[in-house]
Amino acid sequence: MNFQNKVVLVTGAAQGIGAAVVDKLCQYGAKVAALDSNETVLYRFIDSLRSQTVLPFVVDISDSRQVICVVEQIEKTLGPIDYLVSVAGILRMGDLLALSDEDWQATFSVNTTGAFNITRTVARYMKERCSGSMVVVSSNAASVPRMQMGAYAASKAAVTMLAKCLALELAAFNIRCNIVSPGSTDTAMQRALWTDASGPEKVIAGSLDHHRLGIPLQKIASPDTIADAVIFLLSEQASHITMHDLRVDGGATLGCQ
């Protein structure tokens, strides 16, 4: 896990899984470009790290022009981008028949178009150098239907296939692209779904009413656990792995693809 002086771009870097990835990369000596749209939370997190190797960038990744500009800026200031981790995502709950146009469009704008914008832009630089590794954080909801999560699940299914197709197109240029698909993870997004202190226990137990399986390992993942999987696939220890979707969900989807 040697990322000494390597340049890594991370989206969704201000909290949750993205923040855990940034924190671990700093420990491994990387120079990190931390991207997020939430300026307040991003700068608070960067200040807490007390690291000279992380630079914050406030960016809306659903805007391709902003993405192109910030990637160009990172290449000029930090250096050539060696690795990319695309984490940024949002969750808009609701039955599909009642879901608003705005909720559907916002979900795909960030989760799918945003991932497309950042991977496409960074990959263009990597292709010129014939070197690079990318990890896209998707979700186990991409492979198993979820009630009241239709937009989210569909957007994650799309981004999973996007990453695999990108990996296929870039393989000849010595660039790897893999996916990490977490299940329930202790993040702000997950906690927003809990109505009381019994939230974690209900997630672990599952719900017959919602046709949702529980978690066989009897625990919810921590952001650090997901970050470990991301960094493994990013690293040279996974040098012969590409197009792979690594499910990190405690067995919640029973290994279904």
Protein backbone atom coordinates (compact mmCIF):
# COMPACT_ATOMS: atom_id res chain seq x y z
CA MET A 1 0.00 0.00 0.00
CA ASN A 2 2.61 2.54 -1.07
CA PHE A 3 0.99 5.75 -2.25
CA GLN A 4 3.92 7.95 -1.28
CA ASN A 5 3.75 11.20 -3.27
CA LYS A 6 1.13 9.74 -5.60
CA VAL A 7 -1.70 12.08 -6.61
CA VAL A 8 -5.19 10.81 -5.86
CA LEU A 9 -8.47 12.54 -6.67
CA VAL A 10 -11.42 11.65 -4.42
CA THR A 11 -15.00 12.85 -4.94
CA GLY A 12 -17.54 12.93 -2.13
CA ALA A 13 -14.56 13.54 0.12
CA ALA A 14 -16.15 15.57 2.93
CA GLN A 15 -17.80 12.79 4.91
CA GLY A 16 -18.64 9.11 5.14
CA ILE A 17 -16.81 6.71 2.86
CA GLY A 18 -15.10 9.48 0.90
CA ALA A 19 -13.64 11.01 4.06
CA ALA A 20 -12.44 7.60 5.24
CA VAL A 21 -10.69 7.06 1.89
CA VAL A 22 -8.99 10.46 2.10
CA ASP A 23 -7.87 9.81 5.67
CA LYS A 24 -6.31 6.44 4.81
CA LEU A 25 -4.62 7.78 1.68
CA CYS A 26 -3.00 10.50 3.79
CA GLN A 27 -1.67 7.82 6.12
CA TYR A 28 -0.16 6.06 3.10
CA GLY A 29 1.61 9.23 1.98
CA ALA A 30 -0.57 10.27 -0.95
CA LYS A 31 -1.21 13.79 -2.17
CA VAL A 32 -4.99 14.04 -2.22
CA ALA A 33 -7.33 16.33 -4.13
CA ALA A 34 -10.52 16.21 -2.03
CA LEU A 35 -13.61 17.20 -4.01
CA ASP A 36 -17.07 17.87 -2.60
CA SER A 37 -19.98 20.23 -3.22
CA ASN A 38 -20.51 20.97 0.49
CA GLU A 39 -17.95 23.67 1.19
CA THR A 40 -18.59 23.96 4.94
CA VAL A 41 -18.34 20.24 5.70
CA LEU A 42 -15.39 19.80 3.34
CA TYR A 43 -13.23 22.51 4.95
CA ARG A 44 -14.17 21.35 8.44
CA PHE A 45 -13.01 17.84 7.56
CA ILE A 46 -9.79 19.02 5.93
CA ASP A 47 -8.98 21.14 8.99
CA SER A 48 -9.49 18.11 11.24
CA LEU A 49 -6.93 16.10 9.27
CA ARG A 50 -4.14 18.61 9.90
CA SER A 51 -2.40 17.30 6.80
CA GLN A 52 -0.30 19.29 4.35
CA THR A 53 -0.90 16.73 1.60
CA VAL A 54 -4.66 17.32 1.10
CA LEU A 55 -6.12 20.14 -0.96
CA PRO A 56 -9.90 20.83 -0.94
CA PHE A 57 -11.83 21.67 -4.09
CA VAL A 58 -15.49 22.71 -3.98
CA VAL A 59 -17.04 21.22 -7.11
CA ASP A 60 -20.45 20.17 -8.40
CA ILE A 61 -19.49 17.02 -10.31
CA SER A 62 -22.79 17.00 -12.19
CA ASP A 63 -21.46 20.06 -14.07
CA SER A 64 -18.99 18.81 -16.68
CA ARG A 65 -17.44 22.27 -17.12
CA GLN A 66 -16.58 22.50 -13.43
CA VAL A 67 -15.11 19.00 -13.56
CA ILE A 68 -12.93 19.77 -16.57
CA CYS A 69 -11.64 22.96 -14.95
CA VAL A 70 -10.84 21.39 -11.57
CA VAL A 71 -9.07 18.37 -13.07
CA GLU A 72 -6.92 20.69 -15.18
CA GLN A 73 -6.14 22.71 -12.05
CA ILE A 74 -5.19 19.59 -10.07
CA GLU A 75 -2.91 18.36 -12.86
CA LYS A 76 -1.12 21.72 -12.82
CA THR A 77 -0.87 22.20 -9.05
CA LEU A 78 -0.56 18.74 -7.49
CA GLY A 79 0.79 16.92 -10.52
CA PRO A 80 -0.41 14.13 -12.82
CA ILE A 81 -3.35 12.24 -11.31
CA ASP A 82 -2.29 8.66 -10.62
CA TYR A 83 -5.50 7.41 -9.02
CA LEU A 84 -9.18 8.31 -8.92
CA VAL A 85 -11.85 7.35 -6.39
CA SER A 86 -15.41 8.32 -7.32
CA VAL A 87 -17.54 8.25 -4.17
CA ALA A 88 -19.98 11.17 -4.43
CA GLY A 89 -23.62 10.16 -4.29
CA ILE A 90 -27.04 11.17 -3.01
CA LEU A 91 -30.15 9.27 -1.94
CA ARG A 92 -33.70 10.40 -2.68
CA MET A 93 -36.23 7.98 -1.17
CA GLY A 94 -39.74 7.38 -2.45
CA ASP A 95 -42.03 5.02 -4.33
CA LEU A 96 -41.36 5.29 -8.04
CA LEU A 97 -44.98 6.19 -8.84
CA ALA A 98 -44.78 9.15 -6.47
CA LEU A 99 -41.20 10.21 -7.18
CA SER A 100 -40.83 13.73 -8.52
CA ASP A 101 -38.98 14.61 -11.71
CA GLU A 102 -36.56 16.66 -9.63
CA ASP A 103 -35.68 13.75 -7.34
CA TRP A 104 -35.12 11.39 -10.28
CA GLN A 105 -33.01 13.89 -12.19
CA ALA A 106 -30.96 14.94 -9.16
CA THR A 107 -30.19 11.32 -8.33
CA PHE A 108 -28.88 10.55 -11.80
CA SER A 109 -27.13 13.92 -12.12
CA VAL A 110 -24.86 13.15 -9.17
CA ASN A 111 -24.71 9.37 -8.96
CA THR A 112 -24.39 8.58 -12.65
CA THR A 113 -23.63 11.70 -14.69
CA GLY A 114 -21.28 12.96 -11.99
CA ALA A 115 -19.34 9.70 -12.02
CA PHE A 116 -19.26 9.82 -15.82
CA ASN A 117 -17.97 13.40 -15.81
CA ILE A 118 -15.12 12.72 -13.40
CA THR A 119 -14.02 9.33 -14.77
CA ARG A 120 -14.12 10.52 -18.39
CA THR A 121 -12.14 13.67 -17.66
CA VAL A 122 -9.46 11.99 -15.53
CA ALA A 123 -9.22 9.00 -17.88
CA ARG A 124 -8.31 11.29 -20.77
CA TYR A 125 -5.18 12.36 -18.89
CA MET A 126 -4.40 8.80 -17.77
CA LYS A 127 -4.74 7.51 -21.32
CA GLU A 128 -2.05 9.92 -22.53
CA ARG A 129 0.31 8.50 -19.89
CA CYS A 130 -0.83 4.86 -20.31
CA SER A 131 -1.08 4.56 -16.54
CA GLY A 132 -3.69 4.81 -13.82
CA SER A 133 -6.20 3.11 -11.56
CA MET A 134 -9.77 4.08 -10.73
CA VAL A 135 -12.37 2.83 -8.27
CA VAL A 136 -16.04 3.76 -8.49
CA VAL A 137 -18.12 3.33 -5.35
CA SER A 138 -21.52 1.93 -6.31
CA SER A 139 -23.94 0.00 -4.06
CA ASN A 140 -25.26 -3.50 -3.53
CA ALA A 141 -28.63 -1.93 -4.41
CA ALA A 142 -27.40 -1.99 -8.03
CA SER A 143 -28.03 -5.74 -8.17
CA VAL A 144 -31.03 -6.30 -5.89
CA PRO A 145 -34.31 -4.34 -6.13
CA ARG A 146 -35.10 -2.06 -3.21
CA MET A 147 -38.51 -0.66 -2.29
CA GLN A 148 -38.60 3.14 -2.15
CA MET A 149 -35.07 3.24 -3.56
CA GLY A 150 -35.83 2.84 -7.25
CA ALA A 151 -34.02 5.96 -8.41
CA TYR A 152 -30.96 5.25 -6.28
CA ALA A 153 -30.78 1.58 -7.30
CA ALA A 154 -31.19 2.41 -10.98
CA SER A 155 -28.52 5.12 -10.84
CA LYS A 156 -26.09 2.74 -9.13
CA ALA A 157 -26.81 -0.05 -11.62
CA ALA A 158 -26.01 2.41 -14.39
CA VAL A 159 -22.76 3.57 -12.79
CA THR A 160 -21.66 -0.04 -12.19
CA MET A 161 -21.99 -0.84 -15.88
CA LEU A 162 -20.40 2.49 -16.79
CA ALA A 163 -17.32 1.53 -14.78
CA LYS A 164 -17.10 -1.92 -16.37
CA CYS A 165 -17.39 -0.53 -19.89
CA LEU A 166 -14.80 2.11 -19.09
CA ALA A 167 -12.48 -0.57 -17.73
CA LEU A 168 -12.83 -2.53 -20.97
CA GLU A 169 -12.05 0.49 -23.13
CA LEU A 170 -9.03 1.51 -21.04
CA ALA A 171 -7.47 -1.91 -20.47
CA ALA A 172 -5.23 -1.62 -23.54
CA PHE A 173 -3.78 1.58 -22.05
CA ASN A 174 -2.69 -0.05 -18.76
CA ILE A 175 -5.52 1.62 -16.84
CA ARG A 176 -7.64 -0.35 -14.40
CA CYS A 177 -11.18 0.50 -13.30
CA ASN A 178 -12.99 -1.40 -10.55
CA ILE A 179 -16.13 -1.07 -8.45
CA VAL A 180 -16.76 -1.34 -4.73
CA SER A 181 -20.40 -1.96 -3.86
CA PRO A 182 -21.11 -1.40 -0.16
CA GLY A 183 -24.18 -2.51 1.69
CA SER A 184 -25.48 -0.69 4.75
CA THR A 185 -22.65 1.47 6.10
CA ASP A 186 -22.60 3.76 9.12
CA THR A 187 -22.69 7.09 7.29
CA ALA A 188 -24.87 10.20 7.43
CA MET A 189 -26.84 8.84 4.47
CA GLN A 190 -27.59 5.60 6.34
CA ARG A 191 -28.44 7.33 9.63
CA ALA A 192 -30.93 9.57 7.84
CA LEU A 193 -33.01 6.44 7.22
CA TRP A 194 -33.23 5.55 10.91
CA THR A 195 -36.24 6.82 12.87
CA ASP A 196 -35.05 5.80 16.34
CA ALA A 197 -32.24 4.09 18.25
CA SER A 198 -33.32 0.69 16.96
CA GLY A 199 -32.34 1.64 13.39
CA PRO A 200 -29.15 -0.47 13.23
CA GLU A 201 -30.87 -3.54 14.67
CA LYS A 202 -33.68 -3.28 12.12
CA VAL A 203 -31.21 -3.05 9.25
CA ILE A 204 -29.31 -6.11 10.48
CA ALA A 205 -32.54 -8.10 10.95
CA GLY A 206 -34.00 -7.20 7.54
CA SER A 207 -37.67 -6.64 6.74
CA LEU A 208 -40.16 -9.10 5.25
CA ASP A 209 -42.60 -6.24 4.60
CA HIS A 210 -40.01 -4.56 2.37
CA HIS A 211 -38.63 -7.80 0.92
CA ARG A 212 -35.26 -6.92 2.30
CA LEU A 213 -32.79 -9.50 3.59
CA GLY A 214 -30.84 -8.92 6.77
CA ILE A 215 -27.07 -8.95 7.15
CA PRO A 216 -25.67 -12.46 7.81
CA LEU A 217 -22.51 -11.08 9.48
CA GLN A 218 -24.80 -9.31 11.98
CA LYS A 219 -23.17 -5.90 11.73
CA ILE A 220 -23.22 -2.69 9.74
CA ALA A 221 -20.04 -1.75 7.93
CA SER A 222 -17.92 1.18 9.02
CA PRO A 223 -16.67 3.70 6.44
CA ASP A 224 -13.13 2.49 7.20
CA THR A 225 -14.09 -1.04 6.15
CA ILE A 226 -15.29 0.18 2.77
CA ALA A 227 -12.24 2.43 2.41
CA ASP A 228 -9.94 -0.57 2.92
CA ALA A 229 -11.62 -2.34 -0.01
CA VAL A 230 -11.35 0.77 -2.17
CA ILE A 231 -7.66 1.24 -1.45
CA PHE A 232 -6.88 -2.42 -2.10
CA LEU A 233 -8.44 -2.28 -5.58
CA LEU A 234 -6.74 1.04 -6.24
CA SER A 235 -3.32 -0.28 -5.27
CA GLU A 236 -0.66 -2.31 -7.04
CA GLN A 237 -1.67 -5.29 -4.91
CA ALA A 238 -4.64 -5.53 -7.27
CA SER A 239 -2.55 -4.96 -10.39
CA HIS A 240 -4.23 -7.76 -12.37
CA ILE A 241 -7.79 -6.93 -11.33
CA THR A 242 -10.05 -4.82 -13.52
CA MET A 243 -13.80 -4.68 -14.30
CA HIS A 244 -14.39 -6.27 -10.89
CA ASP A 245 -17.36 -5.43 -8.65
CA LEU A 246 -16.34 -6.09 -5.04
CA ARG A 247 -19.42 -6.50 -2.84
CA VAL A 248 -18.81 -5.37 0.75
CA ASP A 249 -22.16 -5.92 2.46
CA GLY A 250 -21.74 -8.61 5.11
CA GLY A 251 -23.56 -11.09 2.86
CA ALA A 252 -26.74 -9.00 2.65
CA THR A 253 -27.29 -9.75 -1.04
CA LEU A 254 -26.23 -13.42 -0.70
CA GLY A 255 -23.60 -12.92 -3.38
CA CYS A 256 -26.23 -12.25 -6.09
CA GLN A 257 -24.91 -10.42 -9.10
